[in-house]
Amino acid sequence: MSTLPDEVWLRILELGAASSILGYRDLCRVAIASRRLNRLSQEPSLWGALLALDFPFSGSETPSKSLYKIKFEKDKARRIAMRRMAVIGAEERVLLTKKKLADLELSMAREGERMKATLEELENLERVRSASVALNVWQPEVVRGRQKQIVEQCTVPVESRLNALRMEARVCKKQIETFKKAYHNEKLKLSEYEEKLRSLKYHPLSSDQLIGTVDSLNPKRQKLKHSHSKHFSSLNVYALLCMSPHPLHV
C-alpha cells in the first residue's frame, strides 16, 4: 500500500464511488483501515460523487462527509416517518376489517334468528292446514276436537301466509349465504392485512434494509450497479490496482 501515491488511491476510490460500487458504508469501512485511508476518505470529491448518486444537491453546497451525514439523517427520518405511516395504515385496515367481520357476525345472527322464527311459524301453519284438511274426513271426537281447536286458534289466512313464509325463508337463506361469503372474504383480507402488519412491525434488519440503506432504494445507484456489474467483480479494487501505473506488490 505504501508504494502507491495518494493520487492513485484517491483515483481508485473515486472510480468506485462514481461507478456506485463503493457506497457510503464501504467508504466508512475503508476509513478505519488505516490513518492514510482515513485521511483520503474525507476527500470532498468522494462524498460529492456519493451525494450526486444518493442525494442530488445544488452547486452552492460544498460536498463533504458532514453534508452527506446531514442528508442521510434527514432521509432516514423521512423513511422512519413513512414506515410509521405504513404501520398506522396497516393497523387501520386491520381494525376496519375486524369491524366488518363483527358486523357480519351480528347480521348473520339476526338473520339466523329471523330464519328460525320463520321456520317455526311455517311449521305451525303447516300443522293448522293439516288439521283443517283432516276435519273434512271422519275421525274420533277426541282427535277431531283437538284439530278443531288448532284450526280455531289460527287467526290468519293459512294459504297466503304459508306462501309468504316460504318466500321469507328463501330470502333468509339467500341472505345468510351472502353474509357467509362476505365473511369468508373478509377473513382472507384480515389474514393478509395482519401478515402485512407483522412484517411492518417486526423486521430483523429493519434499521438497515427499511430505513438506512440508501443504496438498495436508490434507482439511479441500482441502474449504475447493473450497468457496471459485468465490468467489475468482487475483486474490483485489486483489478484497478493491477491496471494502475504503480501496481501493488502482494
Protein backbone atom coordinates (compact mmCIF):
# COMPACT_ATOMS: atom_id res chain seq x y z
CA MET A 1 0.00 0.00 0.00
CA SER A 2 2.85 2.35 0.80
CA THR A 3 4.19 2.01 -2.76
CA LEU A 4 1.14 3.74 -4.23
CA PRO A 5 0.90 7.53 -4.04
CA ASP A 6 -2.17 9.20 -2.60
CA GLU A 7 -3.30 10.27 -6.06
CA VAL A 8 -3.63 6.65 -7.23
CA TRP A 9 -5.52 5.56 -4.12
CA LEU A 10 -7.79 8.57 -4.40
CA ARG A 11 -8.43 7.80 -8.06
CA ILE A 12 -9.31 4.19 -7.16
CA LEU A 13 -11.77 5.38 -4.53
CA GLU A 14 -13.23 7.96 -6.93
CA LEU A 15 -13.78 5.31 -9.61
CA GLY A 16 -15.50 3.08 -7.06
CA ALA A 17 -17.75 5.89 -5.81
CA ALA A 18 -18.60 7.18 -9.29
CA SER A 19 -19.50 3.70 -10.55
CA SER A 20 -21.69 3.05 -7.47
CA ILE A 21 -19.54 0.05 -6.50
CA LEU A 22 -18.28 1.93 -3.45
CA GLY A 23 -21.14 3.04 -1.22
CA TYR A 24 -21.10 5.17 1.90
CA ARG A 25 -20.81 2.05 4.09
CA ASP A 26 -17.80 0.86 2.10
CA LEU A 27 -16.17 4.26 2.35
CA CYS A 28 -16.65 4.26 6.12
CA ARG A 29 -15.09 0.80 6.31
CA VAL A 30 -12.13 1.99 4.23
CA ALA A 31 -11.71 4.91 6.62
CA ILE A 32 -10.99 2.63 9.59
CA ALA A 33 -8.43 0.52 7.69
CA SER A 34 -5.53 2.93 8.26
CA ARG A 35 -4.78 6.57 9.04
CA ARG A 36 -3.84 7.20 5.45
CA LEU A 37 -7.09 5.80 4.07
CA ASN A 38 -8.98 7.66 6.76
CA ARG A 39 -7.48 10.90 5.52
CA LEU A 40 -8.17 10.05 1.88
CA SER A 41 -11.76 9.02 2.63
CA GLN A 42 -12.51 12.57 3.75
CA GLU A 43 -11.87 13.98 0.26
CA PRO A 44 -14.82 16.11 -0.96
CA SER A 45 -14.66 14.52 -4.42
CA LEU A 46 -15.62 11.12 -2.97
CA TRP A 47 -18.53 12.43 -0.97
CA GLY A 48 -19.56 14.63 -3.88
CA ALA A 49 -19.92 11.52 -6.04
CA LEU A 50 -21.95 9.78 -3.33
CA LEU A 51 -24.10 12.84 -2.81
CA ALA A 52 -24.79 13.09 -6.53
CA LEU A 53 -25.97 9.49 -6.58
CA ASP A 54 -27.89 9.30 -3.31
CA PHE A 55 -28.97 12.89 -2.58
CA PRO A 56 -28.70 15.20 -5.60
CA PHE A 57 -27.60 18.57 -4.24
CA SER A 58 -27.27 22.09 -5.57
CA GLY A 59 -23.97 23.53 -6.67
CA SER A 60 -23.95 26.01 -3.81
CA GLU A 61 -23.35 23.20 -1.30
CA THR A 62 -19.80 22.08 -0.71
CA PRO A 63 -19.65 18.28 -0.78
CA SER A 64 -18.29 16.75 2.40
CA LYS A 65 -18.78 13.81 4.73
CA SER A 66 -20.66 16.02 7.19
CA LEU A 67 -23.07 17.19 4.46
CA TYR A 68 -23.68 13.57 3.47
CA LYS A 69 -24.35 12.70 7.10
CA ILE A 70 -26.87 15.55 7.42
CA LYS A 71 -28.72 14.46 4.30
CA PHE A 72 -28.52 10.82 5.35
CA GLU A 73 -30.11 11.59 8.73
CA LYS A 74 -32.87 13.62 7.07
CA ASP A 75 -33.56 10.81 4.63
CA LYS A 76 -33.50 8.30 7.49
CA ALA A 77 -36.04 10.38 9.44
CA ARG A 78 -38.22 10.58 6.34
CA ARG A 79 -38.08 6.81 5.88
CA ILE A 80 -38.91 6.26 9.56
CA ALA A 81 -41.93 8.56 9.21
CA MET A 82 -43.02 6.73 6.04
CA ARG A 83 -42.65 3.40 7.82
CA ARG A 84 -44.69 4.63 10.77
CA MET A 85 -47.39 5.88 8.43
CA ALA A 86 -47.39 2.49 6.72
CA VAL A 87 -47.81 0.80 10.12
CA ILE A 88 -50.66 3.14 11.04
CA GLY A 89 -52.34 2.48 7.70
CA ALA A 90 -51.97 -1.28 8.14
CA GLU A 91 -53.37 -1.09 11.68
CA GLU A 92 -56.32 0.93 10.42
CA ARG A 93 -57.05 -1.66 7.72
CA VAL A 94 -56.92 -4.45 10.31
CA LEU A 95 -59.32 -2.60 12.64
CA LEU A 96 -61.76 -1.80 9.83
CA THR A 97 -61.73 -5.41 8.64
CA LYS A 98 -62.35 -6.66 12.19
CA LYS A 99 -65.27 -4.25 12.49
CA LYS A 100 -66.71 -5.55 9.22
CA LEU A 101 -66.37 -9.11 10.50
CA ALA A 102 -68.15 -8.19 13.74
CA ASP A 103 -70.95 -6.51 11.77
CA LEU A 104 -71.28 -9.55 9.52
CA GLU A 105 -71.41 -11.88 12.52
CA LEU A 106 -74.17 -9.75 14.02
CA SER A 107 -76.07 -9.69 10.74
CA MET A 108 -75.77 -13.47 10.37
CA ALA A 109 -77.01 -13.96 13.93
CA ARG A 110 -80.02 -11.71 13.32
CA GLU A 111 -80.79 -13.38 10.03
CA GLY A 112 -80.46 -16.78 11.68
CA GLU A 113 -82.97 -15.79 14.38
CA ARG A 114 -85.32 -14.50 11.71
CA MET A 115 -84.93 -17.76 9.78
CA LYS A 116 -85.63 -19.79 12.91
CA ALA A 117 -88.78 -17.81 13.73
CA THR A 118 -89.99 -18.10 10.12
CA LEU A 119 -89.50 -21.87 10.08
CA GLU A 120 -91.28 -22.27 13.41
CA GLU A 121 -94.27 -20.27 12.19
CA LEU A 122 -94.22 -22.18 8.92
CA GLU A 123 -94.28 -25.47 10.79
CA ASN A 124 -97.23 -24.31 12.93
CA LEU A 125 -99.20 -23.21 9.88
CA GLU A 126 -98.50 -26.49 8.14
CA ARG A 127 -99.97 -28.20 11.20
CA VAL A 128 -103.04 -25.92 11.04
CA ARG A 129 -103.55 -26.69 7.36
CA SER A 130 -103.22 -30.44 8.01
CA ALA A 131 -105.78 -30.15 10.83
CA SER A 132 -108.13 -28.19 8.57
CA VAL A 133 -107.95 -30.88 5.89
CA ALA A 134 -108.43 -33.62 8.48
CA LEU A 135 -111.71 -32.03 9.63
CA ASN A 136 -113.26 -32.99 6.30
CA VAL A 137 -112.88 -36.71 7.00
CA TRP A 138 -114.31 -38.88 9.79
CA GLN A 139 -112.26 -39.05 12.98
CA PRO A 140 -112.84 -39.90 16.60
CA GLU A 141 -114.35 -37.00 18.52
CA VAL A 142 -111.28 -36.61 20.73
CA VAL A 143 -108.95 -36.25 17.75
CA ARG A 144 -111.44 -34.11 15.86
CA GLY A 145 -111.90 -31.79 18.83
CA ARG A 146 -108.14 -31.27 19.15
CA GLN A 147 -107.76 -30.50 15.44
CA LYS A 148 -110.71 -28.14 15.53
CA GLN A 149 -109.10 -26.30 18.40
CA ILE A 150 -105.88 -25.94 16.42
CA VAL A 151 -107.76 -24.51 13.43
CA GLU A 152 -109.77 -22.09 15.55
CA GLN A 153 -106.64 -20.72 17.23
CA CYS A 154 -105.26 -19.60 13.87
CA THR A 155 -106.40 -16.06 13.04
CA VAL A 156 -104.62 -15.54 9.68
CA PRO A 157 -105.34 -16.82 6.17
CA VAL A 158 -103.35 -20.03 6.10
CA GLU A 159 -102.53 -20.40 2.41
CA SER A 160 -101.47 -16.81 1.77
CA ARG A 161 -99.43 -16.76 4.97
CA LEU A 162 -97.76 -20.05 4.07
CA ASN A 163 -96.68 -18.66 0.69
CA ALA A 164 -95.34 -15.53 2.35
CA LEU A 165 -93.38 -17.55 4.91
CA ARG A 166 -91.87 -19.83 2.27
CA MET A 167 -90.72 -16.78 0.33
CA GLU A 168 -89.31 -15.22 3.50
CA ALA A 169 -87.45 -18.45 4.34
CA ARG A 170 -85.85 -18.49 0.87
CA VAL A 171 -84.84 -14.84 1.23
CA CYS A 172 -83.32 -15.52 4.67
CA LYS A 173 -81.38 -18.48 3.34
CA LYS A 174 -80.04 -16.46 0.42
CA GLN A 175 -79.11 -13.58 2.71
CA ILE A 176 -77.27 -15.89 5.11
CA GLU A 177 -75.31 -17.38 2.21
CA THR A 178 -74.36 -13.87 1.07
CA PHE A 179 -73.22 -12.95 4.57
CA LYS A 180 -71.16 -16.14 4.85
CA LYS A 181 -69.43 -15.47 1.54
CA ALA A 182 -68.65 -11.89 2.55
CA TYR A 183 -67.43 -13.12 5.94
CA HIS A 184 -65.06 -15.60 4.28
CA ASN A 185 -63.65 -12.89 2.00
CA GLU A 186 -63.13 -10.51 4.92
CA LYS A 187 -61.35 -13.25 6.88
CA LEU A 188 -58.94 -13.71 3.99
CA LYS A 189 -58.36 -9.96 3.87
CA LEU A 190 -57.79 -9.86 7.63
CA SER A 191 -55.14 -12.59 7.40
CA GLU A 192 -53.41 -10.68 4.61
CA TYR A 193 -53.55 -7.35 6.49
CA GLU A 194 -52.32 -8.91 9.75
CA GLU A 195 -49.42 -10.55 7.96
CA LYS A 196 -48.52 -7.23 6.36
CA LEU A 197 -48.75 -5.50 9.75
CA ARG A 198 -46.48 -8.10 11.37
CA SER A 199 -44.00 -7.62 8.56
CA LEU A 200 -44.00 -3.85 9.09
CA LYS A 201 -43.80 -4.01 12.88
CA TYR A 202 -41.09 -6.65 13.05
CA HIS A 203 -38.16 -6.94 10.70
CA PRO A 204 -34.81 -8.36 11.89
CA LEU A 205 -32.91 -5.94 9.63
CA SER A 206 -35.36 -3.08 9.58
CA SER A 207 -32.80 -0.46 10.63
CA ASP A 208 -30.60 -1.44 7.69
CA GLN A 209 -33.00 -2.54 4.99
CA LEU A 210 -36.09 -0.41 5.61
CA ILE A 211 -34.58 2.83 6.86
CA GLY A 212 -30.86 3.32 6.46
CA THR A 213 -29.92 1.70 3.21
CA VAL A 214 -29.74 4.37 0.58
CA ASP A 215 -28.04 2.05 -1.90
CA SER A 216 -30.83 -0.51 -2.19
CA LEU A 217 -33.59 2.09 -2.55
CA ASN A 218 -31.89 4.49 -4.98
CA PRO A 219 -32.93 3.74 -8.60
CA LYS A 220 -30.03 5.71 -10.03
CA ARG A 221 -27.50 3.74 -7.97
CA GLN A 222 -29.22 0.45 -8.84
CA LYS A 223 -29.05 1.31 -12.55
CA LEU A 224 -25.35 2.16 -12.31
CA LYS A 225 -24.61 -1.04 -10.40
CA HIS A 226 -26.42 -3.08 -13.01
CA SER A 227 -24.58 -1.44 -15.89
CA HIS A 228 -21.21 -1.94 -14.22
CA SER A 229 -21.81 -5.42 -12.87
CA LYS A 230 -20.42 -7.08 -15.99
CA HIS A 231 -17.24 -4.98 -15.81
CA PHE A 232 -16.44 -5.27 -12.12
CA SER A 233 -16.18 -8.30 -9.86
CA SER A 234 -15.89 -8.57 -6.11
CA LEU A 235 -12.14 -8.00 -6.61
CA ASN A 236 -12.60 -4.72 -8.48
CA VAL A 237 -10.20 -2.78 -6.30
CA TYR A 238 -7.49 -5.37 -6.82
CA ALA A 239 -8.07 -5.23 -10.58
CA LEU A 240 -7.84 -1.45 -10.60
CA LEU A 241 -4.60 -1.65 -8.68
CA CYS A 242 -3.17 -4.10 -11.18
CA MET A 243 -4.06 -1.80 -14.09
CA SER A 244 -2.63 1.29 -12.42
CA PRO A 245 0.83 2.59 -13.45
CA HIS A 246 2.09 1.69 -9.97
CA PRO A 247 0.85 -1.87 -9.32
CA LEU A 248 0.54 -3.07 -5.77
CA HIS A 249 3.03 -5.78 -4.83
CA VAL A 250 1.35 -8.61 -2.93
